[in-house]
Amino acid sequence: MTSEFCIAVHAVVYLNHKKCTVSSDALAENICTNPSRVRQIMTKLKKAGMVETKEGIDGGYLFCGDASALTLGDICRALSFHFVGSAWRSGDPDMDCLVASGMADIMDRIYKDLESVCEKHLEDITVQDIDGLIFSKTK
């Protein structure tokens, strides 16, 4: 898992809370990361229609979604993000050993099932839910 998903969720929740245009520098400061990382991620969120951009001296990003409808699953899809998987596969399908020849496909199915569980869980959490969790601490 990379930090890209966390940065995107943090940025969207912060923009929803601020209800104004926020620069990539200000977002990066709040997220505690580099502004160039923020800009790369925000480009994907803009392409998905979750944020708008404003040029100029007062430029930056503005949340343009519905916090009660936008789910973490939506953010995950905007990033083309996968939680579970492996670039490396064990064994070899051409080997005579049943373990060596079958393990990669079995693990791929397990990864796919775990990914589905993650996606289903994220569909149940909205930006508004996170906002509520953060601000319920202050009550």
C-alpha atoms as a PDB file:
ATOM      1  CA  MET A   1       0.000   0.000   0.000  1.00  0.00           C
ATOM      2  CA  THR A   2       1.319   3.417  -0.871  1.00  0.00           C
ATOM      3  CA  SER A   3       0.604   6.717   0.836  1.00  0.00           C
ATOM      4  CA  GLU A   4      -1.174   8.055  -2.274  1.00  0.00           C
ATOM      5  CA  PHE A   5      -4.592   6.920  -1.028  1.00  0.00           C
ATOM      6  CA  CYS A   6      -4.056   8.472   2.405  1.00  0.00           C
ATOM      7  CA  ILE A   7      -2.908  11.761   0.861  1.00  0.00           C
ATOM      8  CA  ALA A   8      -5.965  11.850  -1.427  1.00  0.00           C
ATOM      9  CA  VAL A   9      -8.421  11.158   1.399  1.00  0.00           C
ATOM     10  CA  HIS A  10      -6.734  13.716   3.662  1.00  0.00           C
ATOM     11  CA  ALA A  11      -6.815  16.350   0.900  1.00  0.00           C
ATOM     12  CA  VAL A  12     -10.482  15.796   0.057  1.00  0.00           C
ATOM     13  CA  VAL A  13     -11.558  15.845   3.712  1.00  0.00           C
ATOM     14  CA  TYR A  14      -9.543  19.012   4.319  1.00  0.00           C
ATOM     15  CA  LEU A  15     -10.931  20.743   1.224  1.00  0.00           C
ATOM     16  CA  ASN A  16     -14.454  19.753   2.218  1.00  0.00           C
ATOM     17  CA  HIS A  17     -13.876  21.223   5.676  1.00  0.00           C
ATOM     18  CA  LYS A  18     -12.314  24.482   4.425  1.00  0.00           C
ATOM     19  CA  LYS A  19     -14.994  25.113   1.756  1.00  0.00           C
ATOM     20  CA  CYS A  20     -12.605  27.397  -0.156  1.00  0.00           C
ATOM     21  CA  THR A  21      -9.726  27.218  -2.606  1.00  0.00           C
ATOM     22  CA  VAL A  22      -6.555  25.866  -1.008  1.00  0.00           C
ATOM     23  CA  SER A  23      -3.100  25.955  -2.619  1.00  0.00           C
ATOM     24  CA  SER A  24      -1.010  22.829  -3.063  1.00  0.00           C
ATOM     25  CA  ASP A  25       1.519  24.314  -0.631  1.00  0.00           C
ATOM     26  CA  ALA A  26      -1.153  24.761   2.055  1.00  0.00           C
ATOM     27  CA  LEU A  27      -2.532  21.276   1.396  1.00  0.00           C
ATOM     28  CA  ALA A  28       0.954  19.780   1.585  1.00  0.00           C
ATOM     29  CA  GLU A  29       1.617  21.577   4.864  1.00  0.00           C
ATOM     30  CA  ASN A  30      -1.597  20.187   6.376  1.00  0.00           C
ATOM     31  CA  ILE A  31      -0.931  16.679   5.045  1.00  0.00           C
ATOM     32  CA  CYS A  32       2.768  16.853   6.010  1.00  0.00           C
ATOM     33  CA  THR A  33       4.109  15.937   2.600  1.00  0.00           C
ATOM     34  CA  ASN A  34       5.679  17.502  -0.479  1.00  0.00           C
ATOM     35  CA  PRO A  35       3.581  19.882  -2.652  1.00  0.00           C
ATOM     36  CA  SER A  36       4.631  18.075  -5.834  1.00  0.00           C
ATOM     37  CA  ARG A  37       3.190  14.794  -4.473  1.00  0.00           C
ATOM     38  CA  VAL A  38      -0.029  16.626  -3.651  1.00  0.00           C
ATOM     39  CA  ARG A  39      -0.233  18.083  -7.168  1.00  0.00           C
ATOM     40  CA  GLN A  40       0.255  14.654  -8.778  1.00  0.00           C
ATOM     41  CA  ILE A  41      -2.557  13.166  -6.726  1.00  0.00           C
ATOM     42  CA  MET A  42      -4.847  16.176  -7.125  1.00  0.00           C
ATOM     43  CA  THR A  43      -4.513  15.877 -10.913  1.00  0.00           C
ATOM     44  CA  LYS A  44      -6.138  12.449 -10.685  1.00  0.00           C
ATOM     45  CA  LEU A  45      -8.895  13.726  -8.397  1.00  0.00           C
ATOM     46  CA  LYS A  46      -9.568  16.613 -10.782  1.00  0.00           C
ATOM     47  CA  LYS A  47      -9.807  14.232 -13.720  1.00  0.00           C
ATOM     48  CA  ALA A  48     -12.386  12.242 -11.719  1.00  0.00           C
ATOM     49  CA  GLY A  49     -14.408  15.417 -11.087  1.00  0.00           C
ATOM     50  CA  MET A  50     -13.866  15.497  -7.327  1.00  0.00           C
ATOM     51  CA  VAL A  51     -11.987  18.780  -7.218  1.00  0.00           C
ATOM     52  CA  GLU A  52     -11.758  21.900  -9.323  1.00  0.00           C
ATOM     53  CA  THR A  53      -8.706  24.075  -9.827  1.00  0.00           C
ATOM     54  CA  LYS A  54      -8.334  27.816  -9.892  1.00  0.00           C
ATOM     55  CA  GLU A  55      -5.382  29.531 -11.554  1.00  0.00           C
ATOM     56  CA  GLY A  56      -3.568  32.618 -10.362  1.00  0.00           C
ATOM     57  CA  ILE A  57      -2.340  34.151  -7.161  1.00  0.00           C
ATOM     58  CA  ASP A  58      -5.364  32.908  -5.196  1.00  0.00           C
ATOM     59  CA  GLY A  59      -5.268  29.595  -7.055  1.00  0.00           C
ATOM     60  CA  GLY A  60      -5.481  26.095  -5.755  1.00  0.00           C
ATOM     61  CA  TYR A  61      -7.984  23.309  -5.299  1.00  0.00           C
ATOM     62  CA  LEU A  62     -11.638  23.348  -4.339  1.00  0.00           C
ATOM     63  CA  PHE A  63     -13.716  20.309  -3.377  1.00  0.00           C
ATOM     64  CA  CYS A  64     -16.682  20.131  -5.754  1.00  0.00           C
ATOM     65  CA  GLY A  65     -18.342  16.915  -4.687  1.00  0.00           C
ATOM     66  CA  ASP A  66     -21.031  15.904  -2.252  1.00  0.00           C
ATOM     67  CA  ALA A  67     -19.278  14.821   0.939  1.00  0.00           C
ATOM     68  CA  SER A  68     -22.201  12.632   1.945  1.00  0.00           C
ATOM     69  CA  ALA A  69     -22.121  10.764  -1.378  1.00  0.00           C
ATOM     70  CA  LEU A  70     -18.404  10.595  -2.203  1.00  0.00           C
ATOM     71  CA  THR A  71     -17.016   7.328  -0.858  1.00  0.00           C
ATOM     72  CA  LEU A  72     -13.488   6.211  -0.216  1.00  0.00           C
ATOM     73  CA  GLY A  73     -14.166   3.634  -2.922  1.00  0.00           C
ATOM     74  CA  ASP A  74     -14.697   6.509  -5.368  1.00  0.00           C
ATOM     75  CA  ILE A  75     -11.349   7.989  -4.353  1.00  0.00           C
ATOM     76  CA  CYS A  76      -9.679   4.603  -4.699  1.00  0.00           C
ATOM     77  CA  ARG A  77     -11.027   4.236  -8.245  1.00  0.00           C
ATOM     78  CA  ALA A  78      -9.949   7.785  -9.157  1.00  0.00           C
ATOM     79  CA  LEU A  79      -6.402   6.813  -8.227  1.00  0.00           C
ATOM     80  CA  SER A  80      -6.621   3.405  -9.942  1.00  0.00           C
ATOM     81  CA  PHE A  81      -5.414   2.125  -6.600  1.00  0.00           C
ATOM     82  CA  HIS A  82      -5.195  -1.508  -5.485  1.00  0.00           C
ATOM     83  CA  PHE A  83      -4.721  -2.455  -1.850  1.00  0.00           C
ATOM     84  CA  VAL A  84      -3.769  -6.074  -2.314  1.00  0.00           C
ATOM     85  CA  GLY A  85      -1.531  -7.711  -4.855  1.00  0.00           C
ATOM     86  CA  SER A  86       1.983  -8.662  -5.754  1.00  0.00           C
ATOM     87  CA  ALA A  87       4.144  -7.942  -8.767  1.00  0.00           C
ATOM     88  CA  TRP A  88       6.056 -11.153  -8.068  1.00  0.00           C
ATOM     89  CA  ARG A  89       4.580 -14.618  -8.468  1.00  0.00           C
ATOM     90  CA  SER A  90       5.984 -17.745  -6.865  1.00  0.00           C
ATOM     91  CA  GLY A  91       6.360 -21.044  -8.653  1.00  0.00           C
ATOM     92  CA  ASP A  92       6.171 -21.811 -12.341  1.00  0.00           C
ATOM     93  CA  PRO A  93       3.049 -23.128 -14.124  1.00  0.00           C
ATOM     94  CA  ASP A  94       5.263 -25.362 -16.286  1.00  0.00           C
ATOM     95  CA  MET A  95       6.847 -27.242 -13.366  1.00  0.00           C
ATOM     96  CA  ASP A  96       5.843 -30.826 -12.569  1.00  0.00           C
ATOM     97  CA  CYS A  97       5.276 -30.000  -8.889  1.00  0.00           C
ATOM     98  CA  LEU A  98       1.599 -29.266  -8.211  1.00  0.00           C
ATOM     99  CA  VAL A  99       2.496 -26.691  -5.548  1.00  0.00           C
ATOM    100  CA  ALA A 100       4.921 -24.829  -7.831  1.00  0.00           C
ATOM    101  CA  SER A 101       2.588 -24.972 -10.832  1.00  0.00           C
ATOM    102  CA  GLY A 102      -0.568 -23.993  -8.947  1.00  0.00           C
ATOM    103  CA  MET A 103       0.492 -21.489  -6.306  1.00  0.00           C
ATOM    104  CA  ALA A 104       0.502 -18.320  -8.447  1.00  0.00           C
ATOM    105  CA  ASP A 105      -3.104 -18.743  -9.585  1.00  0.00           C
ATOM    106  CA  ILE A 106      -4.272 -19.568  -6.062  1.00  0.00           C
ATOM    107  CA  MET A 107      -2.566 -16.468  -4.645  1.00  0.00           C
ATOM    108  CA  ASP A 108      -3.997 -14.309  -7.450  1.00  0.00           C
ATOM    109  CA  ARG A 109      -7.508 -15.476  -6.458  1.00  0.00           C
ATOM    110  CA  ILE A 110      -6.818 -14.732  -2.786  1.00  0.00           C
ATOM    111  CA  TYR A 111      -5.545 -11.244  -3.678  1.00  0.00           C
ATOM    112  CA  LYS A 112      -8.610 -10.621  -5.835  1.00  0.00           C
ATOM    113  CA  ASP A 113     -10.938 -11.720  -3.012  1.00  0.00           C
ATOM    114  CA  LEU A 114      -9.139  -9.488  -0.494  1.00  0.00           C
ATOM    115  CA  GLU A 115      -9.303  -6.555  -2.913  1.00  0.00           C
ATOM    116  CA  SER A 116     -13.069  -7.071  -3.229  1.00  0.00           C
ATOM    117  CA  VAL A 117     -13.451  -7.021   0.556  1.00  0.00           C
ATOM    118  CA  CYS A 118     -11.453  -3.766   0.739  1.00  0.00           C
ATOM    119  CA  GLU A 119     -13.489  -2.170  -2.056  1.00  0.00           C
ATOM    120  CA  LYS A 120     -16.791  -3.192  -0.452  1.00  0.00           C
ATOM    121  CA  HIS A 121     -15.713  -1.747   2.907  1.00  0.00           C
ATOM    122  CA  LEU A 122     -14.602   1.539   1.326  1.00  0.00           C
ATOM    123  CA  GLU A 123     -17.972   1.934  -0.412  1.00  0.00           C
ATOM    124  CA  ASP A 124     -19.528   2.213   3.055  1.00  0.00           C
ATOM    125  CA  ILE A 125     -17.353   5.158   4.165  1.00  0.00           C
ATOM    126  CA  THR A 126     -18.010   8.672   2.882  1.00  0.00           C
ATOM    127  CA  VAL A 127     -15.983  11.857   3.139  1.00  0.00           C
ATOM    128  CA  GLN A 128     -18.730  13.145   5.455  1.00  0.00           C
ATOM    129  CA  ASP A 129     -18.263  10.093   7.694  1.00  0.00           C
ATOM    130  CA  ILE A 130     -14.585  10.913   8.123  1.00  0.00           C
ATOM    131  CA  ASP A 131     -15.368  14.557   8.728  1.00  0.00           C
ATOM    132  CA  GLY A 132     -17.853  13.485  11.408  1.00  0.00           C
ATOM    133  CA  LEU A 133     -15.315  11.215  13.072  1.00  0.00           C
ATOM    134  CA  ILE A 134     -12.719  13.989  13.202  1.00  0.00           C
ATOM    135  CA  PHE A 135     -15.035  16.654  14.547  1.00  0.00           C
ATOM    136  CA  SER A 136     -16.912  14.421  16.973  1.00  0.00           C
ATOM    137  CA  LYS A 137     -13.663  14.329  18.996  1.00  0.00           C
ATOM    138  CA  THR A 138     -14.054  18.021  19.751  1.00  0.00           C
ATOM    139  CA  LYS A 139     -17.508  17.650  21.295  1.00  0.00           C
END
